[in-house]
Amino acid sequence: MTDLEKSKIIEACEAQAVPDNEIDFSEIPEITDFSGFRPVSQHPEYFKPVKEQVSIRINKVLLAHFREKGKGWQSEVNDFLMNAYLHGQI
């Protein structure tokens, strides 16, 4: 699909869209209780932190231990360090 085709589709959709000031919110209840509200950053299933690839030197025994865990061992090292950080251990 070309950019021109995409823009034509978008224009057609926008031409048929209901303007914001005409949307009827009367059947949607107002939220007044935010006691269970948590920011997106506290929902790990919706939040993906930015990661940066680095090179570090670690003890060979420690590296072997994590590699034995198989696929995903690097994420496990990251999770271990993040947990230690969040608990004030590092």
PDB file of N, CA and C in Angstrom:
ATOM      1  N   MET A   1       0.851  -1.171   0.000  1.00  0.00           N
ATOM      2  CA  MET A   1       0.000   0.000   0.000  1.00  0.00           C
ATOM      3  C   MET A   1       0.903   1.242   0.000  1.00  0.00           C
ATOM      4  N   THR A   2       0.631   2.145  -0.903  1.00  0.00           N
ATOM      5  CA  THR A   2       1.438   3.353  -1.025  1.00  0.00           C
ATOM      6  C   THR A   2       1.004   4.398   0.009  1.00  0.00           C
ATOM      7  N   ASP A   3       1.854   5.391   0.190  1.00  0.00           N
ATOM      8  CA  ASP A   3       1.527   6.474   1.113  1.00  0.00           C
ATOM      9  C   ASP A   3       0.292   7.236   0.656  1.00  0.00           C
ATOM     10  N   LEU A   4       0.133   7.369  -0.652  1.00  0.00           N
ATOM     11  CA  LEU A   4      -1.029   8.070  -1.192  1.00  0.00           C
ATOM     12  C   LEU A   4      -2.311   7.313  -0.864  1.00  0.00           C
ATOM     13  N   GLU A   5      -2.277   5.982  -1.010  1.00  0.00           N
ATOM     14  CA  GLU A   5      -3.445   5.158  -0.677  1.00  0.00           C
ATOM     15  C   GLU A   5      -3.765   5.251   0.805  1.00  0.00           C
ATOM     16  N   LYS A   6      -2.732   5.234   1.640  1.00  0.00           N
ATOM     17  CA  LYS A   6      -2.943   5.350   3.089  1.00  0.00           C
ATOM     18  C   LYS A   6      -3.575   6.689   3.433  1.00  0.00           C
ATOM     19  N   SER A   7      -3.064   7.756   2.834  1.00  0.00           N
ATOM     20  CA  SER A   7      -3.613   9.085   3.146  1.00  0.00           C
ATOM     21  C   SER A   7      -5.063   9.210   2.684  1.00  0.00           C
ATOM     22  N   LYS A   8      -5.428   8.566   1.567  1.00  0.00           N
ATOM     23  CA  LYS A   8      -6.816   8.602   1.098  1.00  0.00           C
ATOM     24  C   LYS A   8      -7.737   7.863   2.070  1.00  0.00           C
ATOM     25  N   ILE A   9      -7.282   6.753   2.585  1.00  0.00           N
ATOM     26  CA  ILE A   9      -8.067   6.001   3.569  1.00  0.00           C
ATOM     27  C   ILE A   9      -8.256   6.829   4.840  1.00  0.00           C
ATOM     28  N   ILE A  10      -7.193   7.459   5.289  1.00  0.00           N
ATOM     29  CA  ILE A  10      -7.263   8.294   6.501  1.00  0.00           C
ATOM     30  C   ILE A  10      -8.227   9.460   6.281  1.00  0.00           C
ATOM     31  N   GLU A  11      -8.154  10.105   5.126  1.00  0.00           N
ATOM     32  CA  GLU A  11      -9.059  11.222   4.816  1.00  0.00           C
ATOM     33  C   GLU A  11     -10.514  10.766   4.810  1.00  0.00           C
ATOM     34  N   ALA A  12     -10.779   9.589   4.236  1.00  0.00           N
ATOM     35  CA  ALA A  12     -12.147   9.074   4.195  1.00  0.00           C
ATOM     36  C   ALA A  12     -12.672   8.792   5.594  1.00  0.00           C
ATOM     37  N   CYS A  13     -11.821   8.232   6.439  1.00  0.00           N
ATOM     38  CA  CYS A  13     -12.223   7.947   7.829  1.00  0.00           C
ATOM     39  C   CYS A  13     -12.483   9.238   8.589  1.00  0.00           C
ATOM     40  N   GLU A  14     -11.605  10.211   8.427  1.00  0.00           N
ATOM     41  CA  GLU A  14     -11.760  11.483   9.138  1.00  0.00           C
ATOM     42  C   GLU A  14     -13.008  12.230   8.673  1.00  0.00           C
ATOM     43  N   ALA A  15     -13.360  12.077   7.411  1.00  0.00           N
ATOM     44  CA  ALA A  15     -14.552  12.754   6.879  1.00  0.00           C
ATOM     45  C   ALA A  15     -15.823  12.189   7.508  1.00  0.00           C
ATOM     46  N   GLN A  16     -15.799  10.907   7.902  1.00  0.00           N
ATOM     47  CA  GLN A  16     -16.971  10.261   8.486  1.00  0.00           C
ATOM     48  C   GLN A  16     -16.943  10.264  10.016  1.00  0.00           C
ATOM     49  N   ALA A  17     -15.875  10.735  10.609  1.00  0.00           N
ATOM     50  CA  ALA A  17     -15.742  10.698  12.062  1.00  0.00           C
ATOM     51  C   ALA A  17     -16.660  11.715  12.739  1.00  0.00           C
ATOM     52  N   VAL A  18     -17.118  11.362  13.939  1.00  0.00           N
ATOM     53  CA  VAL A  18     -17.943  12.265  14.732  1.00  0.00           C
ATOM     54  C   VAL A  18     -17.008  13.256  15.428  1.00  0.00           C
ATOM     55  N   PRO A  19     -17.282  14.555  15.339  1.00  0.00           N
ATOM     56  CA  PRO A  19     -16.433  15.539  16.018  1.00  0.00           C
ATOM     57  C   PRO A  19     -16.437  15.303  17.538  1.00  0.00           C
ATOM     58  N   ASP A  20     -15.341  15.615  18.173  1.00  0.00           N
ATOM     59  CA  ASP A  20     -15.203  15.387  19.617  1.00  0.00           C
ATOM     60  C   ASP A  20     -16.325  16.031  20.425  1.00  0.00           C
ATOM     61  N   ASN A  21     -16.732  17.245  20.049  1.00  0.00           N
ATOM     62  CA  ASN A  21     -17.756  17.949  20.833  1.00  0.00           C
ATOM     63  C   ASN A  21     -19.156  17.357  20.655  1.00  0.00           C
ATOM     64  N   GLU A  22     -19.324  16.388  19.731  1.00  0.00           N
ATOM     65  CA  GLU A  22     -20.619  15.749  19.525  1.00  0.00           C
ATOM     66  C   GLU A  22     -20.688  14.325  20.089  1.00  0.00           C
ATOM     67  N   ILE A  23     -19.641  13.882  20.741  1.00  0.00           N
ATOM     68  CA  ILE A  23     -19.634  12.534  21.314  1.00  0.00           C
ATOM     69  C   ILE A  23     -20.494  12.522  22.571  1.00  0.00           C
ATOM     70  N   ASP A  24     -21.390  11.527  22.674  1.00  0.00           N
ATOM     71  CA  ASP A  24     -22.303  11.402  23.813  1.00  0.00           C
ATOM     72  C   ASP A  24     -21.677  10.523  24.897  1.00  0.00           C
ATOM     73  N   PHE A  25     -21.336  11.145  26.021  1.00  0.00           N
ATOM     74  CA  PHE A  25     -20.724  10.424  27.134  1.00  0.00           C
ATOM     75  C   PHE A  25     -21.737  10.085  28.227  1.00  0.00           C
ATOM     76  N   SER A  26     -23.022  10.303  27.983  1.00  0.00           N
ATOM     77  CA  SER A  26     -24.044  10.160  29.026  1.00  0.00           C
ATOM     78  C   SER A  26     -24.158   8.729  29.560  1.00  0.00           C
ATOM     79  N   GLU A  27     -23.832   7.723  28.765  1.00  0.00           N
ATOM     80  CA  GLU A  27     -23.955   6.339  29.221  1.00  0.00           C
ATOM     81  C   GLU A  27     -22.666   5.798  29.845  1.00  0.00           C
ATOM     82  N   ILE A  28     -21.651   6.622  29.892  1.00  0.00           N
ATOM     83  CA  ILE A  28     -20.373   6.203  30.480  1.00  0.00           C
ATOM     84  C   ILE A  28     -20.297   6.750  31.896  1.00  0.00           C
ATOM     85  N   PRO A  29     -20.204   5.888  32.913  1.00  0.00           N
ATOM     86  CA  PRO A  29     -20.160   6.390  34.291  1.00  0.00           C
ATOM     87  C   PRO A  29     -18.860   7.152  34.571  1.00  0.00           C
ATOM     88  N   GLU A  30     -18.985   8.189  35.377  1.00  0.00           N
ATOM     89  CA  GLU A  30     -17.817   8.978  35.756  1.00  0.00           C
ATOM     90  C   GLU A  30     -17.010   8.205  36.797  1.00  0.00           C
ATOM     91  N   ILE A  31     -15.715   8.217  36.656  1.00  0.00           N
ATOM     92  CA  ILE A  31     -14.842   7.553  37.630  1.00  0.00           C
ATOM     93  C   ILE A  31     -14.565   8.546  38.760  1.00  0.00           C
ATOM     94  N   THR A  32     -14.979   8.168  39.960  1.00  0.00           N
ATOM     95  CA  THR A  32     -14.755   9.037  41.117  1.00  0.00           C
ATOM     96  C   THR A  32     -13.836   8.391  42.139  1.00  0.00           C
ATOM     97  N   ASP A  33     -13.662   7.072  42.052  1.00  0.00           N
ATOM     98  CA  ASP A  33     -12.809   6.359  43.003  1.00  0.00           C
ATOM     99  C   ASP A  33     -11.539   5.907  42.296  1.00  0.00           C
ATOM    100  N   PHE A  34     -10.419   6.529  42.645  1.00  0.00           N
ATOM    101  CA  PHE A  34      -9.136   6.191  42.046  1.00  0.00           C
ATOM    102  C   PHE A  34      -8.261   5.393  43.006  1.00  0.00           C
ATOM    103  N   SER A  35      -8.852   4.767  44.020  1.00  0.00           N
ATOM    104  CA  SER A  35      -8.061   4.052  45.030  1.00  0.00           C
ATOM    105  C   SER A  35      -7.299   2.866  44.442  1.00  0.00           C
ATOM    106  N   GLY A  36      -7.814   2.232  43.400  1.00  0.00           N
ATOM    107  CA  GLY A  36      -7.125   1.095  42.800  1.00  0.00           C
ATOM    108  C   GLY A  36      -6.252   1.485  41.624  1.00  0.00           C
ATOM    109  N   PHE A  37      -6.127   2.772  41.385  1.00  0.00           N
ATOM    110  CA  PHE A  37      -5.359   3.248  40.242  1.00  0.00           C
ATOM    111  C   PHE A  37      -3.872   3.070  40.469  1.00  0.00           C
ATOM    112  N   ARG A  38      -3.184   2.541  39.472  1.00  0.00           N
ATOM    113  CA  ARG A  38      -1.723   2.449  39.486  1.00  0.00           C
ATOM    114  C   ARG A  38      -1.214   2.989  38.156  1.00  0.00           C
ATOM    115  N   PRO A  39      -0.149   3.782  38.198  1.00  0.00           N
ATOM    116  CA  PRO A  39       0.418   4.281  36.941  1.00  0.00           C
ATOM    117  C   PRO A  39       0.869   3.117  36.050  1.00  0.00           C
ATOM    118  N   VAL A  40       0.915   3.358  34.763  1.00  0.00           N
ATOM    119  CA  VAL A  40       1.303   2.319  33.807  1.00  0.00           C
ATOM    120  C   VAL A  40       2.661   1.736  34.160  1.00  0.00           C
ATOM    121  N   SER A  41       3.566   2.562  34.676  1.00  0.00           N
ATOM    122  CA  SER A  41       4.905   2.077  35.005  1.00  0.00           C
ATOM    123  C   SER A  41       4.881   1.025  36.110  1.00  0.00           C
ATOM    124  N   GLN A  42       3.786   0.907  36.850  1.00  0.00           N
ATOM    125  CA  GLN A  42       3.682  -0.096  37.906  1.00  0.00           C
ATOM    126  C   GLN A  42       2.944  -1.340  37.439  1.00  0.00           C
ATOM    127  N   HIS A  43       2.585  -1.385  36.168  1.00  0.00           N
ATOM    128  CA  HIS A  43       1.973  -2.569  35.574  1.00  0.00           C
ATOM    129  C   HIS A  43       3.019  -3.220  34.673  1.00  0.00           C
ATOM    130  N   PRO A  44       3.769  -4.180  35.187  1.00  0.00           N
ATOM    131  CA  PRO A  44       4.854  -4.735  34.383  1.00  0.00           C
ATOM    132  C   PRO A  44       4.402  -5.330  33.055  1.00  0.00           C
ATOM    133  N   GLU A  45       3.156  -5.781  32.976  1.00  0.00           N
ATOM    134  CA  GLU A  45       2.694  -6.366  31.716  1.00  0.00           C
ATOM    135  C   GLU A  45       2.490  -5.313  30.630  1.00  0.00           C
ATOM    136  N   TYR A  46       2.385  -4.022  31.008  1.00  0.00           N
ATOM    137  CA  TYR A  46       2.193  -2.957  30.030  1.00  0.00           C
ATOM    138  C   TYR A  46       3.411  -2.059  29.892  1.00  0.00           C
ATOM    139  N   PHE A  47       4.398  -2.251  30.701  1.00  0.00           N
ATOM    140  CA  PHE A  47       5.535  -1.339  30.737  1.00  0.00           C
ATOM    141  C   PHE A  47       6.802  -2.068  30.323  1.00  0.00           C
ATOM    142  N   LYS A  48       7.459  -1.572  29.317  1.00  0.00           N
ATOM    143  CA  LYS A  48       8.715  -2.169  28.872  1.00  0.00           C
ATOM    144  C   LYS A  48       9.810  -1.119  29.023  1.00  0.00           C
ATOM    145  N   PRO A  49      10.685  -1.283  30.014  1.00  0.00           N
ATOM    146  CA  PRO A  49      11.718  -0.283  30.213  1.00  0.00           C
ATOM    147  C   PRO A  49      12.734  -0.273  29.073  1.00  0.00           C
ATOM    148  N   VAL A  50      13.338   0.868  28.872  1.00  0.00           N
ATOM    149  CA  VAL A  50      14.361   1.000  27.853  1.00  0.00           C
ATOM    150  C   VAL A  50      15.615   0.281  28.343  1.00  0.00           C
ATOM    151  N   LYS A  51      16.174  -0.545  27.485  1.00  0.00           N
ATOM    152  CA  LYS A  51      17.392  -1.264  27.839  1.00  0.00           C
ATOM    153  C   LYS A  51      18.507  -0.826  26.910  1.00  0.00           C
ATOM    154  N   GLU A  52      19.722  -0.931  27.405  1.00  0.00           N
ATOM    155  CA  GLU A  52      20.889  -0.561  26.618  1.00  0.00           C
ATOM    156  C   GLU A  52      21.872  -1.719  26.642  1.00  0.00           C
ATOM    157  N   GLN A  53      22.402  -2.052  25.488  1.00  0.00           N
ATOM    158  CA  GLN A  53      23.365  -3.135  25.411  1.00  0.00           C
ATOM    159  C   GLN A  53      24.718  -2.623  25.876  1.00  0.00           C
ATOM    160  N   VAL A  54      25.325  -3.349  26.820  1.00  0.00           N
ATOM    161  CA  VAL A  54      26.639  -2.991  27.338  1.00  0.00           C
ATOM    162  C   VAL A  54      27.505  -4.244  27.412  1.00  0.00           C
ATOM    163  N   SER A  55      28.761  -4.033  27.612  1.00  0.00           N
ATOM    164  CA  SER A  55      29.689  -5.144  27.788  1.00  0.00           C
ATOM    165  C   SER A  55      30.317  -4.988  29.169  1.00  0.00           C
ATOM    166  N   ILE A  56      30.235  -6.052  29.988  1.00  0.00           N
ATOM    167  CA  ILE A  56      30.829  -6.000  31.322  1.00  0.00           C
ATOM    168  C   ILE A  56      31.667  -7.256  31.550  1.00  0.00           C
ATOM    169  N   ARG A  57      32.548  -7.204  32.530  1.00  0.00           N
ATOM    170  CA  ARG A  57      33.349  -8.360  32.904  1.00  0.00           C
ATOM    171  C   ARG A  57      32.821  -8.886  34.232  1.00  0.00           C
ATOM    172  N   ILE A  58      32.467 -10.186  34.246  1.00  0.00           N
ATOM    173  CA  ILE A  58      32.011 -10.811  35.486  1.00  0.00           C
ATOM    174  C   ILE A  58      32.749 -12.126  35.679  1.00  0.00           C
ATOM    175  N   ASN A  59      32.711 -12.610  36.885  1.00  0.00           N
ATOM    176  CA  ASN A  59      33.367 -13.855  37.243  1.00  0.00           C
ATOM    177  C   ASN A  59      32.860 -15.001  36.375  1.00  0.00           C
ATOM    178  N   LYS A  60      33.785 -15.877  35.925  1.00  0.00           N
ATOM    179  CA  LYS A  60      33.441 -16.984  35.034  1.00  0.00           C
ATOM    180  C   LYS A  60      32.449 -17.955  35.670  1.00  0.00           C
ATOM    181  N   VAL A  61      32.582 -18.193  36.962  1.00  0.00           N
ATOM    182  CA  VAL A  61      31.679 -19.105  37.664  1.00  0.00           C
ATOM    183  C   VAL A  61      30.257 -18.537  37.658  1.00  0.00           C
ATOM    184  N   LEU A  62      30.145 -17.254  37.916  1.00  0.00           N
ATOM    185  CA  LEU A  62      28.839 -16.592  37.907  1.00  0.00           C
ATOM    186  C   LEU A  62      28.211 -16.638  36.515  1.00  0.00           C
ATOM    187  N   LEU A  63      29.004 -16.384  35.502  1.00  0.00           N
ATOM    188  CA  LEU A  63      28.520 -16.433  34.127  1.00  0.00           C
ATOM    189  C   LEU A  63      28.026 -17.836  33.777  1.00  0.00           C
ATOM    190  N   ALA A  64      28.773 -18.846  34.153  1.00  0.00           N
ATOM    191  CA  ALA A  64      28.379 -20.235  33.881  1.00  0.00           C
ATOM    192  C   ALA A  64      27.066 -20.562  34.586  1.00  0.00           C
ATOM    193  N   HIS A  65      26.912 -20.070  35.811  1.00  0.00           N
ATOM    194  CA  HIS A  65      25.683 -20.316  36.574  1.00  0.00           C
ATOM    195  C   HIS A  65      24.460 -19.782  35.828  1.00  0.00           C
ATOM    196  N   PHE A  66      24.545 -18.543  35.356  1.00  0.00           N
ATOM    197  CA  PHE A  66      23.404 -17.954  34.658  1.00  0.00           C
ATOM    198  C   PHE A  66      23.183 -18.611  33.297  1.00  0.00           C
ATOM    199  N   ARG A  67      24.251 -18.924  32.581  1.00  0.00           N
ATOM    200  CA  ARG A  67      24.105 -19.564  31.264  1.00  0.00           C
ATOM    201  C   ARG A  67      23.473 -20.949  31.372  1.00  0.00           C
ATOM    202  N   GLU A  68      23.678 -21.643  32.483  1.00  0.00           N
ATOM    203  CA  GLU A  68      23.082 -22.964  32.692  1.00  0.00           C
ATOM    204  C   GLU A  68      21.556 -22.900  32.698  1.00  0.00           C
ATOM    205  N   LYS A  69      21.009 -21.741  32.975  1.00  0.00           N
ATOM    206  CA  LYS A  69      19.564 -21.575  33.030  1.00  0.00           C
ATOM    207  C   LYS A  69      18.940 -21.574  31.639  1.00  0.00           C
ATOM    208  N   GLY A  70      19.771 -21.519  30.605  1.00  0.00           N
ATOM    209  CA  GLY A  70      19.280 -21.595  29.233  1.00  0.00           C
ATOM    210  C   GLY A  70      18.847 -20.259  28.673  1.00  0.00           C
ATOM    211  N   LYS A  71      17.990 -20.340  27.655  1.00  0.00           N
ATOM    212  CA  LYS A  71      17.529 -19.141  26.960  1.00  0.00           C
ATOM    213  C   LYS A  71      16.893 -18.163  27.944  1.00  0.00           C
ATOM    214  N   GLY A  72      17.244 -16.895  27.778  1.00  0.00           N
ATOM    215  CA  GLY A  72      16.698 -15.865  28.652  1.00  0.00           C
ATOM    216  C   GLY A  72      17.575 -15.569  29.857  1.00  0.00           C
ATOM    217  N   TRP A  73      18.778 -16.138  29.887  1.00  0.00           N
ATOM    218  CA  TRP A  73      19.634 -15.941  31.059  1.00  0.00           C
ATOM    219  C   TRP A  73      20.041 -14.478  31.226  1.00  0.00           C
ATOM    220  N   GLN A  74      20.182 -13.742  30.123  1.00  0.00           N
ATOM    221  CA  GLN A  74      20.558 -12.329  30.229  1.00  0.00           C
ATOM    222  C   GLN A  74      19.436 -11.513  30.872  1.00  0.00           C
ATOM    223  N   SER A  75      18.192 -11.838  30.520  1.00  0.00           N
ATOM    224  CA  SER A  75      17.054 -11.160  31.154  1.00  0.00           C
ATOM    225  C   SER A  75      17.008 -11.503  32.637  1.00  0.00           C
ATOM    226  N   GLU A  76      17.374 -12.728  32.978  1.00  0.00           N
ATOM    227  CA  GLU A  76      17.383 -13.125  34.385  1.00  0.00           C
ATOM    228  C   GLU A  76      18.446 -12.353  35.172  1.00  0.00           C
ATOM    229  N   VAL A  77      19.602 -12.125  34.560  1.00  0.00           N
ATOM    230  CA  VAL A  77      20.639 -11.308  35.202  1.00  0.00           C
ATOM    231  C   VAL A  77      20.100  -9.896  35.403  1.00  0.00           C
ATOM    232  N   ASN A  78      19.450  -9.345  34.382  1.00  0.00           N
ATOM    233  CA  ASN A  78      18.877  -8.003  34.484  1.00  0.00           C
ATOM    234  C   ASN A  78      17.837  -7.944  35.600  1.00  0.00           C
ATOM    235  N   ASP A  79      16.938  -8.941  35.662  1.00  0.00           N
ATOM    236  CA  ASP A  79      15.900  -8.973  36.689  1.00  0.00           C
ATOM    237  C   ASP A  79      16.512  -9.077  38.080  1.00  0.00           C
ATOM    238  N   PHE A  80      17.545  -9.891  38.215  1.00  0.00           N
ATOM    239  CA  PHE A  80      18.236 -10.049  39.498  1.00  0.00           C
ATOM    240  C   PHE A  80      18.825  -8.716  39.960  1.00  0.00           C
ATOM    241  N   LEU A  81      19.510  -8.036  39.049  1.00  0.00           N
ATOM    242  CA  LEU A  81      20.116  -6.749  39.398  1.00  0.00           C
ATOM    243  C   LEU A  81      19.050  -5.691  39.686  1.00  0.00           C
ATOM    244  N   MET A  82      17.972  -5.683  38.918  1.00  0.00           N
ATOM    245  CA  MET A  82      16.898  -4.709  39.143  1.00  0.00           C
ATOM    246  C   MET A  82      16.244  -4.939  40.498  1.00  0.00           C
ATOM    247  N   ASN A  83      16.013  -6.191  40.849  1.00  0.00           N
ATOM    248  CA  ASN A  83      15.420  -6.519  42.141  1.00  0.00           C
ATOM    249  C   ASN A  83      16.331  -6.063  43.286  1.00  0.00           C
ATOM    250  N   ALA A  84      17.630  -6.303  43.140  1.00  0.00           N
ATOM    251  CA  ALA A  84      18.574  -5.859  44.158  1.00  0.00           C
ATOM    252  C   ALA A  84      18.573  -4.334  44.268  1.00  0.00           C
ATOM    253  N   TYR A  85      18.489  -3.669  43.148  1.00  0.00           N
ATOM    254  CA  TYR A  85      18.437  -2.208  43.137  1.00  0.00           C
ATOM    255  C   TYR A  85      17.183  -1.684  43.826  1.00  0.00           C
ATOM    256  N   LEU A  86      16.020  -2.283  43.487  1.00  0.00           N
ATOM    257  CA  LEU A  86      14.750  -1.834  44.064  1.00  0.00           C
ATOM    258  C   LEU A  86      14.678  -2.069  45.563  1.00  0.00           C
ATOM    259  N   HIS A  87      15.412  -3.069  46.062  1.00  0.00           N
ATOM    260  CA  HIS A  87      15.424  -3.355  47.500  1.00  0.00           C
ATOM    261  C   HIS A  87      16.599  -2.698  48.215  1.00  0.00           C
ATOM    262  N   GLY A  88      17.279  -1.781  47.542  1.00  0.00           N
ATOM    263  CA  GLY A  88      18.361  -1.022  48.163  1.00  0.00           C
ATOM    264  C   GLY A  88      19.605  -1.845  48.470  1.00  0.00           C
ATOM    265  N   GLN A  89      19.773  -2.957  47.797  1.00  0.00           N
ATOM    266  CA  GLN A  89      20.924  -3.812  48.081  1.00  0.00           C
ATOM    267  C   GLN A  89      22.146  -3.405  47.272  1.00  0.00           C
ATOM    268  N   ILE A  90      21.923  -2.646  46.203  1.00  0.00           N
ATOM    269  CA  ILE A  90      23.064  -2.137  45.416  1.00  0.00           C
ATOM    270  C   ILE A  90      22.820  -0.685  45.079  1.00  0.00           C
TER     271      ILE A  90
END
